[in-house]
């Protein structure tokens, strides 16, 4: 591969990454949730089914969410707090 084609591939990758980051941050028209918020809710629902009547520990939920999206502990806590009130 030539240096020009490597640079072009890198630029395409960066553009796609930026587009995905932008899309992930924009709330969905149907419910107003971002991808990260929706992932937290989905993981919470799945983990609640698994735990039965017990409460889901926050760190367990955070670990499950990390399997789907890249999110810091601080951002996770902020989103979780916003959703539960």
Protein backbone atom coordinates (compact mmCIF):
# COMPACT_ATOMS: atom_id res chain seq x y z
CA UNK A 1 0.00 0.00 0.00
CA UNK A 2 1.16 3.47 -0.69
CA UNK A 3 1.39 6.22 1.87
CA UNK A 4 -1.42 8.12 0.12
CA UNK A 5 -3.82 5.18 0.32
CA UNK A 6 -2.94 4.66 4.00
CA UNK A 7 -3.70 8.31 4.71
CA UNK A 8 -6.95 8.04 2.76
CA UNK A 9 -8.01 4.95 4.73
CA UNK A 10 -7.18 6.73 7.99
CA UNK A 11 -9.21 9.77 6.94
CA UNK A 12 -12.17 7.56 6.00
CA UNK A 13 -11.92 5.77 9.35
CA UNK A 14 -11.79 9.07 11.24
CA UNK A 15 -14.78 10.40 9.30
CA UNK A 16 -16.79 7.24 10.01
CA UNK A 17 -15.82 7.40 13.68
CA UNK A 18 -16.87 11.03 13.91
CA UNK A 19 -20.16 10.23 12.17
CA UNK A 20 -20.84 7.34 14.58
CA UNK A 21 -19.99 9.49 17.61
CA UNK A 22 -22.35 12.17 16.34
CA UNK A 23 -25.10 9.63 15.69
CA UNK A 24 -24.62 8.07 19.13
CA UNK A 25 -25.02 11.46 20.80
CA UNK A 26 -28.20 12.47 18.95
CA UNK A 27 -31.43 11.40 20.68
CA UNK A 28 -33.68 9.08 18.71
CA UNK A 29 -36.85 10.67 17.34
CA UNK A 30 -39.08 7.88 18.65
CA UNK A 31 -38.28 8.12 22.34
CA UNK A 32 -35.71 10.89 22.82
CA UNK A 33 -33.06 8.49 24.16
CA UNK A 34 -29.46 8.36 23.03
CA UNK A 35 -27.80 5.06 22.21
CA UNK A 36 -26.04 5.03 25.59
CA UNK A 37 -29.26 5.70 27.50
CA UNK A 38 -31.06 2.97 25.58
CA UNK A 39 -28.20 0.55 26.26
CA UNK A 40 -28.38 1.28 30.00
CA UNK A 41 -32.12 0.61 30.04
CA UNK A 42 -31.74 -2.59 28.01
CA UNK A 43 -28.95 -3.91 30.26
CA UNK A 44 -30.90 -2.98 33.38
CA UNK A 45 -33.95 -4.87 32.11
CA UNK A 46 -31.92 -7.97 31.20
CA UNK A 47 -30.04 -7.95 34.51
CA UNK A 48 -33.23 -7.45 36.54
CA UNK A 49 -34.69 -10.55 34.89
CA UNK A 50 -31.53 -12.44 35.78
CA UNK A 51 -31.45 -11.23 39.42
CA UNK A 52 -35.16 -11.82 40.05
CA UNK A 53 -36.46 -9.77 42.99
CA UNK A 54 -33.02 -8.54 44.07
CA UNK A 55 -31.72 -5.07 43.30
CA UNK A 56 -29.12 -4.80 40.53
CA UNK A 57 -25.80 -3.46 41.86
CA UNK A 58 -24.68 -0.36 39.97
CA UNK A 59 -21.24 -1.77 39.22
CA UNK A 60 -22.79 -4.94 37.79
CA UNK A 61 -24.95 -2.82 35.52
CA UNK A 62 -21.94 -0.71 34.53
CA UNK A 63 -20.02 -3.85 33.57
CA UNK A 64 -22.90 -5.06 31.42
CA UNK A 65 -23.23 -1.68 29.70
CA UNK A 66 -19.50 -1.67 28.91
CA UNK A 67 -20.05 -4.81 26.83
CA UNK A 68 -22.06 -2.66 24.39
CA UNK A 69 -20.76 0.91 24.55
CA UNK A 70 -17.62 2.75 25.59
CA UNK A 71 -18.64 4.91 28.54
CA UNK A 72 -16.77 6.33 31.52
CA UNK A 73 -17.93 5.68 35.08
CA UNK A 74 -18.74 9.35 35.47
CA UNK A 75 -20.84 9.53 32.29
CA UNK A 76 -22.61 6.30 33.24
CA UNK A 77 -23.48 7.69 36.69
CA UNK A 78 -24.68 10.96 35.17
CA UNK A 79 -26.94 9.23 32.64
CA UNK A 80 -28.27 6.79 35.24
CA UNK A 81 -29.05 9.66 37.64
CA UNK A 82 -30.82 11.62 34.89
CA UNK A 83 -32.99 8.63 34.02
CA UNK A 84 -34.05 7.73 37.55
CA UNK A 85 -34.68 11.28 38.64
